[in-house]
């Protein structure tokens, strides 16, 4: 079926955001309310959706990139949350959680530790349940995406004031001033075995993979992705000044980044 052109401003599934099971979506062309992705094809370019209002689930699925066709959009939800970058401006020290339908809902409580202004706003966040070190690339308007919601101060757990000795012994956190994520081939040299995320339209995706081969002097790489268990060849890490991989969070503690 030919749907024509979607409305302006939609975040298209498969183009602007990675499809995943459980993602809440709207139909980009028809009024179907909110649906939940229940199944993805091998290449994640077709999704089945159960529409919550009717229970309808089309077995043929909806295109998420087949022949350049995108039929689903990220759901526009009225969750009552105070969305960082939309309802409230971010500030260092602000307590946050992952916003509904962001993919980060289960991260627990975090604290904004840096704010980056480039192509919109993004934030570095330290999550209390994830150990030391910052996590990068949480959008607060970056490319029209919003990943974080504010925690009301009275809802946040009390924190003990560190004594002077603990403050002196604390290890300073890694800081990256210019980017919401670390680009492989630009900010850090590519190497086999490196854990990476794909970047699609300037947005770091949730899928992870392992860099398995280098070509063109490290400017082109092959990656085995965790989700599909397949190797994608020819990913640019500097060829034609394009960078399509971001360093995975687990790698950050082992590198020193220089600008």
C-alpha atoms as a PDB file:
ATOM      1  CA  UNK A   1       0.000   0.000   0.000  1.00  0.00           C
ATOM      2  CA  UNK A   2       1.296   3.484  -0.886  1.00  0.00           C
ATOM      3  CA  UNK A   3       1.007   5.707   2.159  1.00  0.00           C
ATOM      4  CA  UNK A   4       2.449   8.937   0.742  1.00  0.00           C
ATOM      5  CA  UNK A   5       4.586  11.151   3.002  1.00  0.00           C
ATOM      6  CA  UNK A   6       4.452  11.080   6.821  1.00  0.00           C
ATOM      7  CA  UNK A   7       3.736  14.188   8.851  1.00  0.00           C
ATOM      8  CA  UNK A   8       6.632  16.536   9.595  1.00  0.00           C
ATOM      9  CA  UNK A   9       8.428  16.134  12.914  1.00  0.00           C
ATOM     10  CA  UNK A  10       7.809  12.408  13.419  1.00  0.00           C
ATOM     11  CA  UNK A  11      10.624  10.206  14.718  1.00  0.00           C
ATOM     12  CA  UNK A  12      10.456   7.294  12.271  1.00  0.00           C
ATOM     13  CA  UNK A  13      11.162   3.776  13.515  1.00  0.00           C
ATOM     14  CA  UNK A  14      14.039   2.237  11.579  1.00  0.00           C
ATOM     15  CA  UNK A  15      15.250   5.603  10.314  1.00  0.00           C
ATOM     16  CA  UNK A  16      15.557   7.897  13.331  1.00  0.00           C
ATOM     17  CA  UNK A  17      15.294   5.323  16.128  1.00  0.00           C
ATOM     18  CA  UNK A  18      16.243   1.653  16.276  1.00  0.00           C
ATOM     19  CA  UNK A  19      13.278  -0.781  16.350  1.00  0.00           C
ATOM     20  CA  UNK A  20      13.034  -2.985  19.446  1.00  0.00           C
ATOM     21  CA  UNK A  21      10.432  -5.306  20.921  1.00  0.00           C
ATOM     22  CA  UNK A  22       8.346  -3.416  23.470  1.00  0.00           C
ATOM     23  CA  UNK A  23       8.816  -0.023  21.783  1.00  0.00           C
ATOM     24  CA  UNK A  24       5.603   2.029  21.820  1.00  0.00           C
ATOM     25  CA  UNK A  25       4.700   3.442  18.420  1.00  0.00           C
ATOM     26  CA  UNK A  26       2.115   5.347  16.402  1.00  0.00           C
ATOM     27  CA  UNK A  27       1.159   4.681  12.797  1.00  0.00           C
ATOM     28  CA  UNK A  28       2.853   7.391  10.739  1.00  0.00           C
ATOM     29  CA  UNK A  29      -0.079   7.756   8.334  1.00  0.00           C
ATOM     30  CA  UNK A  30      -3.250   6.405  10.008  1.00  0.00           C
ATOM     31  CA  UNK A  31      -4.989   7.086  13.325  1.00  0.00           C
ATOM     32  CA  UNK A  32      -4.518   3.836  15.241  1.00  0.00           C
ATOM     33  CA  UNK A  33      -3.527   5.158  18.651  1.00  0.00           C
ATOM     34  CA  UNK A  34      -0.590   3.630  20.490  1.00  0.00           C
ATOM     35  CA  UNK A  35       0.795   0.209  19.643  1.00  0.00           C
ATOM     36  CA  UNK A  36       3.574  -2.017  20.986  1.00  0.00           C
ATOM     37  CA  UNK A  37       6.114  -3.792  18.783  1.00  0.00           C
ATOM     38  CA  UNK A  38       5.795  -7.535  19.476  1.00  0.00           C
ATOM     39  CA  UNK A  39       8.086  -9.062  16.810  1.00  0.00           C
ATOM     40  CA  UNK A  40      10.920  -8.021  14.486  1.00  0.00           C
ATOM     41  CA  UNK A  41      12.202  -9.628  11.297  1.00  0.00           C
ATOM     42  CA  UNK A  42      15.801 -10.887  11.123  1.00  0.00           C
ATOM     43  CA  UNK A  43      17.043  -7.568   9.762  1.00  0.00           C
ATOM     44  CA  UNK A  44      14.693  -5.538  12.023  1.00  0.00           C
ATOM     45  CA  UNK A  45      13.199  -3.884   8.920  1.00  0.00           C
ATOM     46  CA  UNK A  46       9.677  -5.271   9.469  1.00  0.00           C
ATOM     47  CA  UNK A  47       7.783  -5.100  12.770  1.00  0.00           C
ATOM     48  CA  UNK A  48       4.545  -6.577  14.026  1.00  0.00           C
ATOM     49  CA  UNK A  49       2.524  -4.262  16.243  1.00  0.00           C
ATOM     50  CA  UNK A  50      -0.307  -4.920  18.688  1.00  0.00           C
ATOM     51  CA  UNK A  51      -2.523  -1.816  18.781  1.00  0.00           C
ATOM     52  CA  UNK A  52      -3.494  -1.247  22.412  1.00  0.00           C
ATOM     53  CA  UNK A  53      -6.960   0.248  21.811  1.00  0.00           C
ATOM     54  CA  UNK A  54      -8.256  -2.617  19.630  1.00  0.00           C
ATOM     55  CA  UNK A  55      -5.896  -5.543  20.242  1.00  0.00           C
ATOM     56  CA  UNK A  56      -5.396  -5.769  16.468  1.00  0.00           C
ATOM     57  CA  UNK A  57      -2.076  -7.284  15.341  1.00  0.00           C
ATOM     58  CA  UNK A  58      -1.290  -7.382  11.615  1.00  0.00           C
ATOM     59  CA  UNK A  59       0.733 -10.540  10.958  1.00  0.00           C
ATOM     60  CA  UNK A  60       2.334  -9.151   7.777  1.00  0.00           C
ATOM     61  CA  UNK A  61       3.901  -6.379   9.837  1.00  0.00           C
ATOM     62  CA  UNK A  62       4.865  -2.787   9.073  1.00  0.00           C
ATOM     63  CA  UNK A  63       7.894  -1.555   7.154  1.00  0.00           C
ATOM     64  CA  UNK A  64      10.786  -0.144   9.170  1.00  0.00           C
ATOM     65  CA  UNK A  65      13.133   0.474   6.275  1.00  0.00           C
ATOM     66  CA  UNK A  66      12.120  -1.984   3.547  1.00  0.00           C
ATOM     67  CA  UNK A  67      12.745  -0.239   0.203  1.00  0.00           C
ATOM     68  CA  UNK A  68      13.120   3.041   2.084  1.00  0.00           C
ATOM     69  CA  UNK A  69       9.602   2.786   3.524  1.00  0.00           C
ATOM     70  CA  UNK A  70       8.883   3.750   7.150  1.00  0.00           C
ATOM     71  CA  UNK A  71       5.342   3.251   8.443  1.00  0.00           C
ATOM     72  CA  UNK A  72       5.828   3.528  12.211  1.00  0.00           C
ATOM     73  CA  UNK A  73       6.783   6.511  14.361  1.00  0.00           C
ATOM     74  CA  UNK A  74       7.887   6.756  17.981  1.00  0.00           C
ATOM     75  CA  UNK A  75       4.722   7.140  20.067  1.00  0.00           C
ATOM     76  CA  UNK A  76       3.829  10.587  21.322  1.00  0.00           C
ATOM     77  CA  UNK A  77       2.876   9.900  24.943  1.00  0.00           C
ATOM     78  CA  UNK A  78       1.411  12.072  27.673  1.00  0.00           C
ATOM     79  CA  UNK A  79       3.121  10.338  30.571  1.00  0.00           C
ATOM     80  CA  UNK A  80       2.965  13.233  33.022  1.00  0.00           C
ATOM     81  CA  UNK A  81       6.758  13.167  33.278  1.00  0.00           C
ATOM     82  CA  UNK A  82       8.873  16.316  33.291  1.00  0.00           C
ATOM     83  CA  UNK A  83      10.975  15.641  30.198  1.00  0.00           C
ATOM     84  CA  UNK A  84      14.527  17.015  30.278  1.00  0.00           C
ATOM     85  CA  UNK A  85      15.054  19.443  27.406  1.00  0.00           C
ATOM     86  CA  UNK A  86      11.332  19.788  26.697  1.00  0.00           C
ATOM     87  CA  UNK A  87       9.526  20.577  29.965  1.00  0.00           C
ATOM     88  CA  UNK A  88      12.550  21.552  32.020  1.00  0.00           C
ATOM     89  CA  UNK A  89      16.084  22.575  31.094  1.00  0.00           C
ATOM     90  CA  UNK A  90      18.912  20.261  32.199  1.00  0.00           C
ATOM     91  CA  UNK A  91      21.419  21.325  34.823  1.00  0.00           C
ATOM     92  CA  UNK A  92      24.458  19.609  36.293  1.00  0.00           C
ATOM     93  CA  UNK A  93      23.510  17.787  39.490  1.00  0.00           C
ATOM     94  CA  UNK A  94      19.872  17.217  38.444  1.00  0.00           C
ATOM     95  CA  UNK A  95      18.432  13.807  39.416  1.00  0.00           C
ATOM     96  CA  UNK A  96      16.961  11.936  36.452  1.00  0.00           C
ATOM     97  CA  UNK A  97      15.479   8.626  35.306  1.00  0.00           C
ATOM     98  CA  UNK A  98      15.036   7.189  31.831  1.00  0.00           C
ATOM     99  CA  UNK A  99      11.891   8.622  30.241  1.00  0.00           C
ATOM    100  CA  UNK A 100       9.003   6.365  29.253  1.00  0.00           C
ATOM    101  CA  UNK A 101       9.633   4.703  25.847  1.00  0.00           C
ATOM    102  CA  UNK A 102      13.231   5.930  25.731  1.00  0.00           C
ATOM    103  CA  UNK A 103      14.803   2.487  26.070  1.00  0.00           C
ATOM    104  CA  UNK A 104      16.450   3.574  29.334  1.00  0.00           C
ATOM    105  CA  UNK A 105      13.498   3.077  31.677  1.00  0.00           C
ATOM    106  CA  UNK A 106      15.309   0.424  33.739  1.00  0.00           C
ATOM    107  CA  UNK A 107      18.495   2.407  34.438  1.00  0.00           C
ATOM    108  CA  UNK A 108      17.298   3.538  37.866  1.00  0.00           C
ATOM    109  CA  UNK A 109      18.300   6.866  39.375  1.00  0.00           C
ATOM    110  CA  UNK A 110      21.025   8.975  37.794  1.00  0.00           C
ATOM    111  CA  UNK A 111      22.668  12.382  38.070  1.00  0.00           C
ATOM    112  CA  UNK A 112      23.485  14.730  35.191  1.00  0.00           C
ATOM    113  CA  UNK A 113      27.234  15.383  35.265  1.00  0.00           C
ATOM    114  CA  UNK A 114      27.748  17.367  32.027  1.00  0.00           C
ATOM    115  CA  UNK A 115      25.676  19.138  29.385  1.00  0.00           C
ATOM    116  CA  UNK A 116      26.717  19.153  25.723  1.00  0.00           C
ATOM    117  CA  UNK A 117      25.433  21.684  23.192  1.00  0.00           C
ATOM    118  CA  UNK A 118      25.890  20.358  19.652  1.00  0.00           C
ATOM    119  CA  UNK A 119      23.031  19.713  17.177  1.00  0.00           C
ATOM    120  CA  UNK A 120      20.733  20.205  20.155  1.00  0.00           C
ATOM    121  CA  UNK A 121      21.367  19.256  23.764  1.00  0.00           C
ATOM    122  CA  UNK A 122      22.576  15.997  25.246  1.00  0.00           C
ATOM    123  CA  UNK A 123      23.678  15.036  28.744  1.00  0.00           C
ATOM    124  CA  UNK A 124      26.269  12.866  30.436  1.00  0.00           C
ATOM    125  CA  UNK A 125      24.720  10.873  33.284  1.00  0.00           C
ATOM    126  CA  UNK A 126      26.150   8.772  36.091  1.00  0.00           C
ATOM    127  CA  UNK A 127      23.724   5.979  37.033  1.00  0.00           C
ATOM    128  CA  UNK A 128      23.820   4.897  40.672  1.00  0.00           C
ATOM    129  CA  UNK A 129      23.336   1.201  39.842  1.00  0.00           C
ATOM    130  CA  UNK A 130      26.028   1.092  37.144  1.00  0.00           C
ATOM    131  CA  UNK A 131      29.170   1.780  39.140  1.00  0.00           C
ATOM    132  CA  UNK A 132      31.614   4.661  38.624  1.00  0.00           C
ATOM    133  CA  UNK A 133      32.098   6.501  35.359  1.00  0.00           C
ATOM    134  CA  UNK A 134      29.864   8.577  33.136  1.00  0.00           C
ATOM    135  CA  UNK A 135      27.481   7.308  30.496  1.00  0.00           C
ATOM    136  CA  UNK A 136      27.260   9.304  27.305  1.00  0.00           C
ATOM    137  CA  UNK A 137      24.757  10.329  24.665  1.00  0.00           C
ATOM    138  CA  UNK A 138      21.463  10.808  26.530  1.00  0.00           C
ATOM    139  CA  UNK A 139      19.398  13.168  24.405  1.00  0.00           C
ATOM    140  CA  UNK A 140      17.711  16.271  25.790  1.00  0.00           C
ATOM    141  CA  UNK A 141      16.706  17.687  22.412  1.00  0.00           C
ATOM    142  CA  UNK A 142      19.627  16.249  20.415  1.00  0.00           C
ATOM    143  CA  UNK A 143      18.187  15.512  16.925  1.00  0.00           C
ATOM    144  CA  UNK A 144      14.684  15.897  18.393  1.00  0.00           C
ATOM    145  CA  UNK A 145      15.106  13.025  20.868  1.00  0.00           C
ATOM    146  CA  UNK A 146      14.447  13.051  24.630  1.00  0.00           C
ATOM    147  CA  UNK A 147      15.793  10.253  26.840  1.00  0.00           C
ATOM    148  CA  UNK A 148      15.531  11.627  30.371  1.00  0.00           C
ATOM    149  CA  UNK A 149      12.858  12.672  32.866  1.00  0.00           C
ATOM    150  CA  UNK A 150      13.359  14.752  36.012  1.00  0.00           C
ATOM    151  CA  UNK A 151      13.012  13.253  39.482  1.00  0.00           C
ATOM    152  CA  UNK A 152      11.352  15.576  41.972  1.00  0.00           C
ATOM    153  CA  UNK A 153      13.797  16.430  44.745  1.00  0.00           C
ATOM    154  CA  UNK A 154      11.509  15.079  47.440  1.00  0.00           C
ATOM    155  CA  UNK A 155      11.301  11.727  45.608  1.00  0.00           C
ATOM    156  CA  UNK A 156      15.061  11.272  45.402  1.00  0.00           C
ATOM    157  CA  UNK A 157      16.696   9.168  48.152  1.00  0.00           C
ATOM    158  CA  UNK A 158      18.717  11.041  50.732  1.00  0.00           C
ATOM    159  CA  UNK A 159      22.441  11.079  50.116  1.00  0.00           C
ATOM    160  CA  UNK A 160      25.049  11.140  52.864  1.00  0.00           C
ATOM    161  CA  UNK A 161      27.433  14.070  52.773  1.00  0.00           C
ATOM    162  CA  UNK A 162      30.973  12.762  52.054  1.00  0.00           C
ATOM    163  CA  UNK A 163      33.628  13.722  54.579  1.00  0.00           C
ATOM    164  CA  UNK A 164      36.665  15.724  53.498  1.00  0.00           C
ATOM    165  CA  UNK A 165      38.914  12.642  53.272  1.00  0.00           C
ATOM    166  CA  UNK A 166      36.484  10.814  50.991  1.00  0.00           C
ATOM    167  CA  UNK A 167      36.265  13.860  48.742  1.00  0.00           C
ATOM    168  CA  UNK A 168      40.056  14.085  48.540  1.00  0.00           C
ATOM    169  CA  UNK A 169      40.353  10.374  47.678  1.00  0.00           C
ATOM    170  CA  UNK A 170      37.608  10.423  45.065  1.00  0.00           C
ATOM    171  CA  UNK A 171      38.706   9.575  41.521  1.00  0.00           C
ATOM    172  CA  UNK A 172      37.866  12.395  39.098  1.00  0.00           C
ATOM    173  CA  UNK A 173      35.317  11.428  36.459  1.00  0.00           C
ATOM    174  CA  UNK A 174      36.198  11.225  32.780  1.00  0.00           C
ATOM    175  CA  UNK A 175      34.948  14.287  30.909  1.00  0.00           C
ATOM    176  CA  UNK A 176      34.252  14.707  27.201  1.00  0.00           C
ATOM    177  CA  UNK A 177      33.521  18.329  26.379  1.00  0.00           C
ATOM    178  CA  UNK A 178      32.426  18.341  22.752  1.00  0.00           C
ATOM    179  CA  UNK A 179      30.560  15.150  21.867  1.00  0.00           C
ATOM    180  CA  UNK A 180      27.595  13.245  23.325  1.00  0.00           C
ATOM    181  CA  UNK A 181      29.453  10.038  22.451  1.00  0.00           C
ATOM    182  CA  UNK A 182      32.982   8.933  21.517  1.00  0.00           C
ATOM    183  CA  UNK A 183      33.478   8.423  17.763  1.00  0.00           C
ATOM    184  CA  UNK A 184      35.557   5.433  16.685  1.00  0.00           C
ATOM    185  CA  UNK A 185      38.204   6.564  14.222  1.00  0.00           C
ATOM    186  CA  UNK A 186      37.980  10.209  15.285  1.00  0.00           C
ATOM    187  CA  UNK A 187      38.199  10.396  19.079  1.00  0.00           C
ATOM    188  CA  UNK A 188      39.782   6.972  19.548  1.00  0.00           C
ATOM    189  CA  UNK A 189      41.595   4.661  17.125  1.00  0.00           C
ATOM    190  CA  UNK A 190      39.703   1.610  15.887  1.00  0.00           C
ATOM    191  CA  UNK A 191      40.995  -1.822  16.936  1.00  0.00           C
ATOM    192  CA  UNK A 192      39.726  -5.363  16.588  1.00  0.00           C
ATOM    193  CA  UNK A 193      37.812  -6.574  19.632  1.00  0.00           C
ATOM    194  CA  UNK A 194      36.523  -3.065  20.425  1.00  0.00           C
ATOM    195  CA  UNK A 195      32.904  -2.905  21.615  1.00  0.00           C
ATOM    196  CA  UNK A 196      30.824  -0.376  19.694  1.00  0.00           C
ATOM    197  CA  UNK A 197      27.349   1.037  19.034  1.00  0.00           C
ATOM    198  CA  UNK A 198      26.037   1.932  15.564  1.00  0.00           C
ATOM    199  CA  UNK A 199      25.250   5.572  14.809  1.00  0.00           C
ATOM    200  CA  UNK A 200      22.216   6.203  12.604  1.00  0.00           C
ATOM    201  CA  UNK A 201      21.503   9.790  11.508  1.00  0.00           C
ATOM    202  CA  UNK A 202      23.747  11.120  14.267  1.00  0.00           C
ATOM    203  CA  UNK A 203      21.991   9.134  17.015  1.00  0.00           C
ATOM    204  CA  UNK A 204      23.753   6.398  18.991  1.00  0.00           C
ATOM    205  CA  UNK A 205      21.621   3.233  18.896  1.00  0.00           C
ATOM    206  CA  UNK A 206      21.148   0.672  21.676  1.00  0.00           C
ATOM    207  CA  UNK A 207      22.477  -2.342  19.741  1.00  0.00           C
ATOM    208  CA  UNK A 208      26.097  -3.293  20.437  1.00  0.00           C
ATOM    209  CA  UNK A 209      28.671  -5.257  18.522  1.00  0.00           C
ATOM    210  CA  UNK A 210      32.326  -6.241  18.332  1.00  0.00           C
ATOM    211  CA  UNK A 211      34.741  -4.830  15.761  1.00  0.00           C
ATOM    212  CA  UNK A 212      36.157  -7.886  13.948  1.00  0.00           C
ATOM    213  CA  UNK A 213      38.197  -6.464  11.047  1.00  0.00           C
ATOM    214  CA  UNK A 214      39.950  -3.250   9.942  1.00  0.00           C
ATOM    215  CA  UNK A 215      40.478  -2.132   6.347  1.00  0.00           C
ATOM    216  CA  UNK A 216      41.697   0.981   4.531  1.00  0.00           C
ATOM    217  CA  UNK A 217      44.127   1.768   7.327  1.00  0.00           C
ATOM    218  CA  UNK A 218      41.378   1.610   9.956  1.00  0.00           C
ATOM    219  CA  UNK A 219      38.987   3.910   8.066  1.00  0.00           C
ATOM    220  CA  UNK A 220      36.589   1.035   7.281  1.00  0.00           C
ATOM    221  CA  UNK A 221      35.558  -1.676   9.742  1.00  0.00           C
ATOM    222  CA  UNK A 222      33.521  -4.868   9.926  1.00  0.00           C
ATOM    223  CA  UNK A 223      31.325  -5.417  13.012  1.00  0.00           C
ATOM    224  CA  UNK A 224      29.540  -8.493  14.355  1.00  0.00           C
ATOM    225  CA  UNK A 225      26.271  -7.225  15.927  1.00  0.00           C
ATOM    226  CA  UNK A 226      24.920  -8.847  19.095  1.00  0.00           C
ATOM    227  CA  UNK A 227      21.243  -8.727  18.094  1.00  0.00           C
ATOM    228  CA  UNK A 228      21.481 -10.279  14.628  1.00  0.00           C
ATOM    229  CA  UNK A 229      24.725 -12.247  15.247  1.00  0.00           C
ATOM    230  CA  UNK A 230      25.729 -11.295  11.723  1.00  0.00           C
ATOM    231  CA  UNK A 231      28.770  -9.383  10.440  1.00  0.00           C
ATOM    232  CA  UNK A 232      28.166  -6.022   8.765  1.00  0.00           C
ATOM    233  CA  UNK A 233      31.034  -5.100   6.458  1.00  0.00           C
ATOM    234  CA  UNK A 234      32.253  -1.720   5.255  1.00  0.00           C
ATOM    235  CA  UNK A 235      31.251   0.585   8.131  1.00  0.00           C
ATOM    236  CA  UNK A 236      32.990   3.952   7.859  1.00  0.00           C
ATOM    237  CA  UNK A 237      35.280   4.980  10.713  1.00  0.00           C
ATOM    238  CA  UNK A 238      36.868   7.889   8.879  1.00  0.00           C
ATOM    239  CA  UNK A 239      36.435   7.140   5.178  1.00  0.00           C
ATOM    240  CA  UNK A 240      35.221  10.308   3.408  1.00  0.00           C
ATOM    241  CA  UNK A 241      35.309  11.925   6.898  1.00  0.00           C
ATOM    242  CA  UNK A 242      32.254   9.906   8.011  1.00  0.00           C
ATOM    243  CA  UNK A 243      32.072   8.156  11.381  1.00  0.00           C
ATOM    244  CA  UNK A 244      29.328   5.587  11.941  1.00  0.00           C
ATOM    245  CA  UNK A 245      30.427   3.874  15.166  1.00  0.00           C
ATOM    246  CA  UNK A 246      30.443   5.036  18.778  1.00  0.00           C
ATOM    247  CA  UNK A 247      32.524   3.501  21.544  1.00  0.00           C
ATOM    248  CA  UNK A 248      30.493   1.314  23.919  1.00  0.00           C
ATOM    249  CA  UNK A 249      30.210   2.493  27.528  1.00  0.00           C
ATOM    250  CA  UNK A 250      32.113  -0.546  28.831  1.00  0.00           C
ATOM    251  CA  UNK A 251      35.209   0.575  26.876  1.00  0.00           C
ATOM    252  CA  UNK A 252      35.365   4.093  28.312  1.00  0.00           C
ATOM    253  CA  UNK A 253      37.207   3.225  31.523  1.00  0.00           C
ATOM    254  CA  UNK A 254      40.117   1.750  29.559  1.00  0.00           C
ATOM    255  CA  UNK A 255      40.931   4.720  27.307  1.00  0.00           C
ATOM    256  CA  UNK A 256      42.231   8.260  27.527  1.00  0.00           C
ATOM    257  CA  UNK A 257      40.509  10.647  25.140  1.00  0.00           C
ATOM    258  CA  UNK A 258      42.398  13.583  23.737  1.00  0.00           C
ATOM    259  CA  UNK A 259      41.092  16.398  21.546  1.00  0.00           C
END
